[in-house]
Amino acid sequence: MAEAILDIKHWGNNLGVRLPAAVAREAHLHADQRVRVAVEQGRVVITPLQDVPLTLEQRLARFDPLRHGGEVMAAEAIGAERW
C-alpha cells in the first residue's frame, strides 16, 4: 500500500496537495484526469471519473467561434487537400 504524509500548501486562493508518483500509480491516477473530491465523514475522498467520449453533437455545442478563431476552413483547400 502506497502511503505518504504531506503538507497542504496554498495554491492561489485554494489549498493543494501534490500526490506522490507511487500513490498516483497505485490509485491508477494520471495527469489531467478528472476526479470528484468530496468530504465523507470528515475525510477527503478523491474518486476518479470515467472519461466518456463526447458525441459530435456535444463537441459542436461546446465550440465557441470567438475562442477558437471562427470558422475552421475559411480558406480554399491547400496542398494535398485539393482534388
PDB file of N, CA and C in Angstrom:
ATOM      1  N   MET A   1       0.843  -1.172   0.000  1.00  0.00           N
ATOM      2  CA  MET A   1       0.000   0.000   0.000  1.00  0.00           C
ATOM      3  C   MET A   1       0.897   1.246   0.000  1.00  0.00           C
ATOM      4  N   ALA A   2       0.695   2.108  -0.982  1.00  0.00           N
ATOM      5  CA  ALA A   2       1.434   3.366  -1.040  1.00  0.00           C
ATOM      6  C   ALA A   2       0.822   4.344  -0.046  1.00  0.00           C
ATOM      7  N   GLU A   3       1.688   5.054   0.653  1.00  0.00           N
ATOM      8  CA  GLU A   3       1.221   5.982   1.676  1.00  0.00           C
ATOM      9  C   GLU A   3       2.225   7.120   1.787  1.00  0.00           C
ATOM     10  N   ALA A   4       1.742   8.311   2.141  1.00  0.00           N
ATOM     11  CA  ALA A   4       2.636   9.452   2.306  1.00  0.00           C
ATOM     12  C   ALA A   4       2.045  10.419   3.321  1.00  0.00           C
ATOM     13  N   ILE A   5       2.907  11.127   4.017  1.00  0.00           N
ATOM     14  CA  ILE A   5       2.492  12.218   4.895  1.00  0.00           C
ATOM     15  C   ILE A   5       2.945  13.492   4.204  1.00  0.00           C
ATOM     16  N   LEU A   6       1.989  14.380   3.916  1.00  0.00           N
ATOM     17  CA  LEU A   6       2.254  15.563   3.100  1.00  0.00           C
ATOM     18  C   LEU A   6       1.799  16.824   3.811  1.00  0.00           C
ATOM     19  N   ASP A   7       2.291  17.963   3.353  1.00  0.00           N
ATOM     20  CA  ASP A   7       1.842  19.263   3.843  1.00  0.00           C
ATOM     21  C   ASP A   7       0.873  19.857   2.839  1.00  0.00           C
ATOM     22  N   ILE A   8      -0.180  20.490   3.344  1.00  0.00           N
ATOM     23  CA  ILE A   8      -1.122  21.215   2.492  1.00  0.00           C
ATOM     24  C   ILE A   8      -0.512  22.586   2.221  1.00  0.00           C
ATOM     25  N   LYS A   9      -0.509  23.002   0.952  1.00  0.00           N
ATOM     26  CA  LYS A   9       0.093  24.275   0.548  1.00  0.00           C
ATOM     27  C   LYS A   9      -0.955  25.182  -0.083  1.00  0.00           C
ATOM     28  N   HIS A  10      -0.683  26.486  -0.055  1.00  0.00           N
ATOM     29  CA  HIS A  10      -1.537  27.446  -0.764  1.00  0.00           C
ATOM     30  C   HIS A  10      -1.291  27.311  -2.256  1.00  0.00           C
ATOM     31  N   TRP A  11      -2.368  27.376  -3.035  1.00  0.00           N
ATOM     32  CA  TRP A  11      -2.288  27.367  -4.492  1.00  0.00           C
ATOM     33  C   TRP A  11      -3.280  28.423  -4.952  1.00  0.00           C
ATOM     34  N   GLY A  12      -2.812  29.652  -5.155  1.00  0.00           N
ATOM     35  CA  GLY A  12      -3.723  30.757  -5.433  1.00  0.00           C
ATOM     36  C   GLY A  12      -4.561  31.013  -4.192  1.00  0.00           C
ATOM     37  N   ASN A  13      -5.882  31.061  -4.364  1.00  0.00           N
ATOM     38  CA  ASN A  13      -6.795  31.229  -3.227  1.00  0.00           C
ATOM     39  C   ASN A  13      -7.244  29.889  -2.664  1.00  0.00           C
ATOM     40  N   ASN A  14      -6.688  28.802  -3.156  1.00  0.00           N
ATOM     41  CA  ASN A  14      -7.099  27.459  -2.751  1.00  0.00           C
ATOM     42  C   ASN A  14      -5.990  26.776  -1.973  1.00  0.00           C
ATOM     43  N   LEU A  15      -6.262  25.557  -1.564  1.00  0.00           N
ATOM     44  CA  LEU A  15      -5.262  24.713  -0.926  1.00  0.00           C
ATOM     45  C   LEU A  15      -5.012  23.511  -1.818  1.00  0.00           C
ATOM     46  N   GLY A  16      -3.797  22.987  -1.799  1.00  0.00           N
ATOM     47  CA  GLY A  16      -3.487  21.850  -2.659  1.00  0.00           C
ATOM     48  C   GLY A  16      -2.522  20.884  -2.003  1.00  0.00           C
ATOM     49  N   VAL A  17      -2.571  19.643  -2.477  1.00  0.00           N
ATOM     50  CA  VAL A  17      -1.660  18.586  -2.058  1.00  0.00           C
ATOM     51  C   VAL A  17      -1.140  17.930  -3.325  1.00  0.00           C
ATOM     52  N   ARG A  18       0.163  17.747  -3.427  1.00  0.00           N
ATOM     53  CA  ARG A  18       0.745  17.047  -4.576  1.00  0.00           C
ATOM     54  C   ARG A  18       0.809  15.562  -4.248  1.00  0.00           C
ATOM     55  N   LEU A  19       0.238  14.751  -5.120  1.00  0.00           N
ATOM     56  CA  LEU A  19       0.248  13.306  -4.887  1.00  0.00           C
ATOM     57  C   LEU A  19       1.583  12.728  -5.338  1.00  0.00           C
ATOM     58  N   PRO A  20       2.257  11.980  -4.486  1.00  0.00           N
ATOM     59  CA  PRO A  20       3.490  11.320  -4.910  1.00  0.00           C
ATOM     60  C   PRO A  20       3.201  10.316  -6.030  1.00  0.00           C
ATOM     61  N   ALA A  21       4.181  10.104  -6.897  1.00  0.00           N
ATOM     62  CA  ALA A  21       4.009   9.211  -8.047  1.00  0.00           C
ATOM     63  C   ALA A  21       3.562   7.817  -7.621  1.00  0.00           C
ATOM     64  N   ALA A  22       4.111   7.291  -6.531  1.00  0.00           N
ATOM     65  CA  ALA A  22       3.748   5.939  -6.089  1.00  0.00           C
ATOM     66  C   ALA A  22       2.278   5.865  -5.700  1.00  0.00           C
ATOM     67  N   VAL A  23       1.768   6.907  -5.043  1.00  0.00           N
ATOM     68  CA  VAL A  23       0.354   6.935  -4.651  1.00  0.00           C
ATOM     69  C   VAL A  23      -0.524   7.029  -5.893  1.00  0.00           C
ATOM     70  N   ALA A  24      -0.182   7.936  -6.807  1.00  0.00           N
ATOM     71  CA  ALA A  24      -0.964   8.096  -8.038  1.00  0.00           C
ATOM     72  C   ALA A  24      -0.963   6.810  -8.855  1.00  0.00           C
ATOM     73  N   ARG A  25       0.194   6.176  -8.956  1.00  0.00           N
ATOM     74  CA  ARG A  25       0.303   4.938  -9.737  1.00  0.00           C
ATOM     75  C   ARG A  25      -0.572   3.841  -9.135  1.00  0.00           C
ATOM     76  N   GLU A  26      -0.513   3.668  -7.821  1.00  0.00           N
ATOM     77  CA  GLU A  26      -1.301   2.616  -7.174  1.00  0.00           C
ATOM     78  C   GLU A  26      -2.799   2.890  -7.275  1.00  0.00           C
ATOM     79  N   ALA A  27      -3.180   4.175  -7.295  1.00  0.00           N
ATOM     80  CA  ALA A  27      -4.595   4.548  -7.408  1.00  0.00           C
ATOM     81  C   ALA A  27      -5.042   4.661  -8.865  1.00  0.00           C
ATOM     82  N   HIS A  28      -4.131   4.405  -9.806  1.00  0.00           N
ATOM     83  CA  HIS A  28      -4.418   4.491 -11.250  1.00  0.00           C
ATOM     84  C   HIS A  28      -4.873   5.896 -11.643  1.00  0.00           C
ATOM     85  N   LEU A  29      -4.199   6.915 -11.102  1.00  0.00           N
ATOM     86  CA  LEU A  29      -4.486   8.306 -11.437  1.00  0.00           C
ATOM     87  C   LEU A  29      -3.404   8.815 -12.377  1.00  0.00           C
ATOM     88  N   HIS A  30      -3.772   9.727 -13.266  1.00  0.00           N
ATOM     89  CA  HIS A  30      -2.794  10.304 -14.192  1.00  0.00           C
ATOM     90  C   HIS A  30      -3.067  11.794 -14.368  1.00  0.00           C
ATOM     91  N   ALA A  31      -2.108  12.502 -14.903  1.00  0.00           N
ATOM     92  CA  ALA A  31      -2.227  13.951 -15.102  1.00  0.00           C
ATOM     93  C   ALA A  31      -3.425  14.272 -15.981  1.00  0.00           C
ATOM     94  N   ASP A  32      -4.109  15.347 -15.668  1.00  0.00           N
ATOM     95  CA  ASP A  32      -5.270  15.856 -16.409  1.00  0.00           C
ATOM     96  C   ASP A  32      -6.500  14.962 -16.306  1.00  0.00           C
ATOM     97  N   GLN A  33      -6.485  13.968 -15.439  1.00  0.00           N
ATOM     98  CA  GLN A  33      -7.653  13.111 -15.240  1.00  0.00           C
ATOM     99  C   GLN A  33      -8.665  13.849 -14.368  1.00  0.00           C
ATOM    100  N   ARG A  34      -9.941  13.717 -14.694  1.00  0.00           N
ATOM    101  CA  ARG A  34     -10.996  14.340 -13.887  1.00  0.00           C
ATOM    102  C   ARG A  34     -11.286  13.456 -12.678  1.00  0.00           C
ATOM    103  N   VAL A  35     -11.439  14.095 -11.525  1.00  0.00           N
ATOM    104  CA  VAL A  35     -11.753  13.382 -10.289  1.00  0.00           C
ATOM    105  C   VAL A  35     -12.851  14.134  -9.550  1.00  0.00           C
ATOM    106  N   ARG A  36     -13.543  13.430  -8.693  1.00  0.00           N
ATOM    107  CA  ARG A  36     -14.521  14.047  -7.790  1.00  0.00           C
ATOM    108  C   ARG A  36     -13.859  14.116  -6.413  1.00  0.00           C
ATOM    109  N   VAL A  37     -13.905  15.288  -5.797  1.00  0.00           N
ATOM    110  CA  VAL A  37     -13.365  15.464  -4.453  1.00  0.00           C
ATOM    111  C   VAL A  37     -14.544  15.731  -3.528  1.00  0.00           C
ATOM    112  N   ALA A  38     -14.674  14.915  -2.488  1.00  0.00           N
ATOM    113  CA  ALA A  38     -15.803  15.034  -1.567  1.00  0.00           C
ATOM    114  C   ALA A  38     -15.306  14.844  -0.137  1.00  0.00           C
ATOM    115  N   VAL A  39     -16.102  15.331   0.796  1.00  0.00           N
ATOM    116  CA  VAL A  39     -15.828  15.095   2.213  1.00  0.00           C
ATOM    117  C   VAL A  39     -16.870  14.105   2.700  1.00  0.00           C
ATOM    118  N   GLU A  40     -16.404  12.957   3.186  1.00  0.00           N
ATOM    119  CA  GLU A  40     -17.289  11.903   3.685  1.00  0.00           C
ATOM    120  C   GLU A  40     -16.858  11.552   5.105  1.00  0.00           C
ATOM    121  N   GLN A  41     -17.721  11.804   6.052  1.00  0.00           N
ATOM    122  CA  GLN A  41     -17.457  11.519   7.463  1.00  0.00           C
ATOM    123  C   GLN A  41     -16.135  12.137   7.915  1.00  0.00           C
ATOM    124  N   GLY A  42     -15.902  13.392   7.498  1.00  0.00           N
ATOM    125  CA  GLY A  42     -14.710  14.113   7.911  1.00  0.00           C
ATOM    126  C   GLY A  42     -13.442  13.763   7.157  1.00  0.00           C
ATOM    127  N   ARG A  43     -13.531  12.915   6.153  1.00  0.00           N
ATOM    128  CA  ARG A  43     -12.362  12.526   5.354  1.00  0.00           C
ATOM    129  C   ARG A  43     -12.495  13.077   3.945  1.00  0.00           C
ATOM    130  N   VAL A  44     -11.378  13.475   3.362  1.00  0.00           N
ATOM    131  CA  VAL A  44     -11.368  13.916   1.969  1.00  0.00           C
ATOM    132  C   VAL A  44     -11.212  12.673   1.100  1.00  0.00           C
ATOM    133  N   VAL A  45     -12.148  12.488   0.172  1.00  0.00           N
ATOM    134  CA  VAL A  45     -12.146  11.310  -0.698  1.00  0.00           C
ATOM    135  C   VAL A  45     -12.016  11.775  -2.143  1.00  0.00           C
ATOM    136  N   ILE A  46     -11.023  11.251  -2.852  1.00  0.00           N
ATOM    137  CA  ILE A  46     -10.809  11.566  -4.268  1.00  0.00           C
ATOM    138  C   ILE A  46     -11.203  10.338  -5.070  1.00  0.00           C
ATOM    139  N   THR A  47     -12.173  10.507  -5.971  1.00  0.00           N
ATOM    140  CA  THR A  47     -12.674   9.395  -6.775  1.00  0.00           C
ATOM    141  C   THR A  47     -12.469   9.705  -8.251  1.00  0.00           C
ATOM    142  N   PRO A  48     -11.740   8.844  -8.989  1.00  0.00           N
ATOM    143  CA  PRO A  48     -11.554   9.095 -10.421  1.00  0.00           C
ATOM    144  C   PRO A  48     -12.874   8.971 -11.175  1.00  0.00           C
ATOM    145  N   LEU A  49     -13.060   9.816 -12.174  1.00  0.00           N
ATOM    146  CA  LEU A  49     -14.244   9.755 -13.030  1.00  0.00           C
ATOM    147  C   LEU A  49     -13.861   9.125 -14.361  1.00  0.00           C
ATOM    148  N   GLN A  50     -14.783   8.389 -14.929  1.00  0.00           N
ATOM    149  CA  GLN A  50     -14.540   7.764 -16.223  1.00  0.00           C
ATOM    150  C   GLN A  50     -14.562   8.820 -17.316  1.00  0.00           C
ATOM    151  N   ASP A  51     -13.601   8.756 -18.220  1.00  0.00           N
ATOM    152  CA  ASP A  51     -13.590   9.640 -19.378  1.00  0.00           C
ATOM    153  C   ASP A  51     -14.589   9.105 -20.395  1.00  0.00           C
ATOM    154  N   VAL A  52     -15.671   9.842 -20.599  1.00  0.00           N
ATOM    155  CA  VAL A  52     -16.695   9.439 -21.557  1.00  0.00           C
ATOM    156  C   VAL A  52     -16.485  10.257 -22.828  1.00  0.00           C
ATOM    157  N   PRO A  53     -16.255   9.596 -23.966  1.00  0.00           N
ATOM    158  CA  PRO A  53     -16.050  10.347 -25.206  1.00  0.00           C
ATOM    159  C   PRO A  53     -17.291  11.165 -25.558  1.00  0.00           C
ATOM    160  N   LEU A  54     -17.075  12.397 -26.005  1.00  0.00           N
ATOM    161  CA  LEU A  54     -18.186  13.260 -26.390  1.00  0.00           C
ATOM    162  C   LEU A  54     -18.701  12.876 -27.770  1.00  0.00           C
ATOM    163  N   THR A  55     -20.007  13.016 -27.958  1.00  0.00           N
ATOM    164  CA  THR A  55     -20.590  12.808 -29.281  1.00  0.00           C
ATOM    165  C   THR A  55     -20.278  14.032 -30.133  1.00  0.00           C
ATOM    166  N   LEU A  56     -20.469  13.914 -31.437  1.00  0.00           N
ATOM    167  CA  LEU A  56     -20.251  15.043 -32.331  1.00  0.00           C
ATOM    168  C   LEU A  56     -21.141  16.212 -31.930  1.00  0.00           C
ATOM    169  N   GLU A  57     -22.385  15.934 -31.587  1.00  0.00           N
ATOM    170  CA  GLU A  57     -23.312  16.989 -31.188  1.00  0.00           C
ATOM    171  C   GLU A  57     -22.812  17.723 -29.939  1.00  0.00           C
ATOM    172  N   GLN A  58     -22.272  16.971 -28.966  1.00  0.00           N
ATOM    173  CA  GLN A  58     -21.749  17.591 -27.750  1.00  0.00           C
ATOM    174  C   GLN A  58     -20.518  18.443 -28.057  1.00  0.00           C
ATOM    175  N   ARG A  59     -19.666  17.946 -28.940  1.00  0.00           N
ATOM    176  CA  ARG A  59     -18.472  18.710 -29.317  1.00  0.00           C
ATOM    177  C   ARG A  59     -18.850  20.003 -30.021  1.00  0.00           C
ATOM    178  N   LEU A  60     -19.816  19.921 -30.944  1.00  0.00           N
ATOM    179  CA  LEU A  60     -20.241  21.115 -31.673  1.00  0.00           C
ATOM    180  C   LEU A  60     -20.921  22.112 -30.741  1.00  0.00           C
ATOM    181  N   ALA A  61     -21.665  21.611 -29.748  1.00  0.00           N
ATOM    182  CA  ALA A  61     -22.329  22.502 -28.799  1.00  0.00           C
ATOM    183  C   ALA A  61     -21.305  23.265 -27.957  1.00  0.00           C
ATOM    184  N   ARG A  62     -20.154  22.670 -27.697  1.00  0.00           N
ATOM    185  CA  ARG A  62     -19.107  23.319 -26.906  1.00  0.00           C
ATOM    186  C   ARG A  62     -18.236  24.262 -27.730  1.00  0.00           C
ATOM    187  N   PHE A  63     -18.324  24.201 -29.053  1.00  0.00           N
ATOM    188  CA  PHE A  63     -17.470  25.011 -29.914  1.00  0.00           C
ATOM    189  C   PHE A  63     -17.820  26.483 -29.764  1.00  0.00           C
ATOM    190  N   ASP A  64     -16.827  27.291 -29.477  1.00  0.00           N
ATOM    191  CA  ASP A  64     -17.005  28.741 -29.335  1.00  0.00           C
ATOM    192  C   ASP A  64     -16.158  29.417 -30.404  1.00  0.00           C
ATOM    193  N   PRO A  65     -16.775  29.956 -31.474  1.00  0.00           N
ATOM    194  CA  PRO A  65     -16.002  30.568 -32.558  1.00  0.00           C
ATOM    195  C   PRO A  65     -15.110  31.717 -32.085  1.00  0.00           C
ATOM    196  N   LEU A  66     -15.529  32.454 -31.060  1.00  0.00           N
ATOM    197  CA  LEU A  66     -14.701  33.553 -30.562  1.00  0.00           C
ATOM    198  C   LEU A  66     -13.428  33.028 -29.903  1.00  0.00           C
ATOM    199  N   ARG A  67     -13.559  31.930 -29.202  1.00  0.00           N
ATOM    200  CA  ARG A  67     -12.398  31.356 -28.515  1.00  0.00           C
ATOM    201  C   ARG A  67     -11.490  30.587 -29.469  1.00  0.00           C
ATOM    202  N   HIS A  68     -12.085  29.892 -30.435  1.00  0.00           N
ATOM    203  CA  HIS A  68     -11.322  29.019 -31.318  1.00  0.00           C
ATOM    204  C   HIS A  68     -11.006  29.651 -32.666  1.00  0.00           C
ATOM    205  N   GLY A  69     -11.265  30.927 -32.826  1.00  0.00           N
ATOM    206  CA  GLY A  69     -10.834  31.611 -34.035  1.00  0.00           C
ATOM    207  C   GLY A  69     -11.803  31.544 -35.187  1.00  0.00           C
ATOM    208  N   GLY A  70     -13.066  31.353 -34.947  1.00  0.00           N
ATOM    209  CA  GLY A  70     -14.057  31.380 -36.018  1.00  0.00           C
ATOM    210  C   GLY A  70     -14.102  30.102 -36.822  1.00  0.00           C
ATOM    211  N   GLU A  71     -14.508  30.246 -38.067  1.00  0.00           N
ATOM    212  CA  GLU A  71     -14.678  29.091 -38.937  1.00  0.00           C
ATOM    213  C   GLU A  71     -13.339  28.409 -39.184  1.00  0.00           C
ATOM    214  N   VAL A  72     -13.340  27.094 -39.166  1.00  0.00           N
ATOM    215  CA  VAL A  72     -12.099  26.343 -39.282  1.00  0.00           C
ATOM    216  C   VAL A  72     -11.557  26.378 -40.703  1.00  0.00           C
ATOM    217  N   MET A  73     -12.392  26.172 -41.694  1.00  0.00           N
ATOM    218  CA  MET A  73     -11.946  26.118 -43.091  1.00  0.00           C
ATOM    219  C   MET A  73     -12.404  27.374 -43.829  1.00  0.00           C
ATOM    220  N   ALA A  74     -11.863  28.515 -43.464  1.00  0.00           N
ATOM    221  CA  ALA A  74     -12.270  29.765 -44.098  1.00  0.00           C
ATOM    222  C   ALA A  74     -11.578  29.973 -45.441  1.00  0.00           C
ATOM    223  N   ALA A  75     -10.502  29.261 -45.709  1.00  0.00           N
ATOM    224  CA  ALA A  75      -9.730  29.453 -46.940  1.00  0.00           C
ATOM    225  C   ALA A  75      -9.984  28.316 -47.925  1.00  0.00           C
ATOM    226  N   GLU A  76      -9.428  28.475 -49.097  1.00  0.00           N
ATOM    227  CA  GLU A  76      -9.507  27.422 -50.116  1.00  0.00           C
ATOM    228  C   GLU A  76      -8.697  26.207 -49.672  1.00  0.00           C
ATOM    229  N   ALA A  77      -8.994  25.068 -50.263  1.00  0.00           N
ATOM    230  CA  ALA A  77      -8.221  23.859 -49.994  1.00  0.00           C
ATOM    231  C   ALA A  77      -6.779  24.096 -50.433  1.00  0.00           C
ATOM    232  N   ILE A  78      -5.833  23.585 -49.631  1.00  0.00           N
ATOM    233  CA  ILE A  78      -4.429  23.775 -49.966  1.00  0.00           C
ATOM    234  C   ILE A  78      -3.705  22.445 -49.953  1.00  0.00           C
ATOM    235  N   GLY A  79      -2.594  22.377 -50.649  1.00  0.00           N
ATOM    236  CA  GLY A  79      -1.747  21.183 -50.643  1.00  0.00           C
ATOM    237  C   GLY A  79      -2.492  19.933 -51.059  1.00  0.00           C
ATOM    238  N   ALA A  80      -2.335  18.862 -50.277  1.00  0.00           N
ATOM    239  CA  ALA A  80      -2.937  17.563 -50.588  1.00  0.00           C
ATOM    240  C   ALA A  80      -4.448  17.567 -50.417  1.00  0.00           C
ATOM    241  N   GLU A  81      -5.028  18.669 -49.908  1.00  0.00           N
ATOM    242  CA  GLU A  81      -6.479  18.750 -49.750  1.00  0.00           C
ATOM    243  C   GLU A  81      -7.180  18.963 -51.091  1.00  0.00           C
ATOM    244  N   ARG A  82      -6.434  19.434 -52.095  1.00  0.00           N
ATOM    245  CA  ARG A  82      -7.042  19.700 -53.402  1.00  0.00           C
ATOM    246  C   ARG A  82      -7.384  18.396 -54.091  1.00  0.00           C
ATOM    247  N   TRP A  83      -8.488  18.417 -54.832  1.00  0.00           N
ATOM    248  CA  TRP A  83      -8.943  17.210 -55.543  1.00  0.00           C
ATOM    249  C   TRP A  83      -8.506  17.265 -56.968  1.00  0.00           C
TER     250      TRP A  83
END
